[in-house]
């Protein structure tokens, strides 16, 4: 009840209309509520408190439509930032007038949208008041700054935070933000990435707002990508944030540290990492469908430029392993959206002392991706979300770039020497990947199988050699390759080298398990041909019974190499035996 009394007192002071009185009241409220992020409306007094919060929000918005001293502007916007945290009390803020006011103070209002459209008026507000407010808005936004002689960056940040809260909690607010073209306003300021005027917080919340708009609105996502040239705009942001220079075409370095190897570069600062990760998330949103459509020559150039920056991200690190992994995770996610032919930029840099080199190509980035993937694989947590982006990226890179595939194969599928342990047993990367080929998550097991299949140049015999037929059967059945052969991928015709150990054991390897196994006693030894046939028919009848009861679905291999269901007619043909009479019912049940 104490909070209710406090709110009532604050509202009374606000209703006086005096700036100094309102300032004192709001500063007291802001201090008390600054760390409050959870709200409950279950009890009666809590619901009453919600009504008071809404009224306070309306009063604060009315104040913001007046000429205010800077300290009062800031206090009002701090209060709105706190009030907009409560998703159940957003009614005063989810209308065109309120959102326009916040956009104006954030310096991102767009003149062409200021007097367009209609919104639901606040309770007690007359239509003429809204029109006046919008007229004032259209005059103020021409300067692209809040209503003061020079941009007050604290005011801008508080307004941006309030807009972000509204977008996060309310769909109507998202619609209005899109209608007000806030993405255009924030894009204009993002173009000023070289301008030292804007501090870290303004830049960060500009990016956070852009991320929310592109994550929540498909139309805004498309607008930023196409109309506002988002790839180029955000690529420049990332370039400036990381402090890059370009010693050569599509080759990056840290400005002032051009001659220092990547592994010896100092870590990026906390602020650099924060900004870079927001940029990477926005770019992910606006490139989500890129890999599934054709891109023109101009777009390809933009993506290759971006790919070079992402390579630098991969080779950079933050202050702390956890932060570095998060940074690399966003980088890998975005790399997966790039058109596949553009991924050759990962191999562009010249080989230098300390580089991982293979076939004369710099493999630093590919090796980093492989290490990142193995780290996620070892962790074993939420593999679909954590492992698949990097595993898919390596698969597609290996499929399209010969040098990448050969390097990955040398690391993952070196010449086979161990023929005594099953492919899934052991701590080598091959063993780990074969283990998840039977994972419960279909996407995970399919992705692991696809990666190894590509490294085997989509050769069935080579794939079985490294994984065993039992582990390989799922992918081979899906591809119609159970009868052997090769898929339609385009690969060079180099030979698969075999070690002496493998050559000696090859004839004794069980293709199902992929290892040499001890000879097992023949269960049919000593049986006559009639006894063998009897046991075979008995097994067929057991399968028939299970099938008829829908316990199993028997399958057979068709001529096209794919599995198909065994029909009742097929089973009848198998069980038809003029020599032996059917078993007695009792004996079938015993089986």
Foldseek 3Di string as FASTA:
>chain_A
DVVQVLLVVLLVQLVVVDLVSNLVSLVVVLVVQVPPQDADDPDPVSVVSLVSLLVLLLSLLVNLLDDDDPSSLLSSLSSLLSSLSDLVNCVVQLWLQNLLSLLQQLLQFDLVLLPDDGTDDDPPDDPVVSNVSSVVSNVSSVVSAHPDPDHDQSSNLSSLSSLLSCLVRDPSSLVSCVSRVSVNSLLVVLQVLVPPPHDLSSLLSSLSSLLSNLVPDVVSLQCCVPVVVVLQSLLVNLCVLQCWDDPDVLAIDHVPCRPPDLLPDDAREPSSLSNNLSSLSSLCSNLVCVQVDDDDPVVLSSLLSSLSSLLSLLSHAHDDDVSRLSSNQSSLSNLLSGHLVSNCSNFPDADDVPFDDDPRTGCNSLVSLVVSLVVLLVVVPPCVSRRLSSLVSLLSNLLVDVRSLVVVCCQQPNADQDQADFLLDDDRNSNSLLVCLVPPDPVSNLSSLSSLCSSVVQFPVSSLLNRACQSNVVVQQVVLAQVGDGDDGDDDDDDDDHDPNCVVCVVQHDSRRNHRDDDDDDPCPPPDPVVVVVVVLLVLVLVVVCVVVVVDFDWDQDPSSHIDTQDPVNSCVVNDDPVDDDDDVVVNVVD
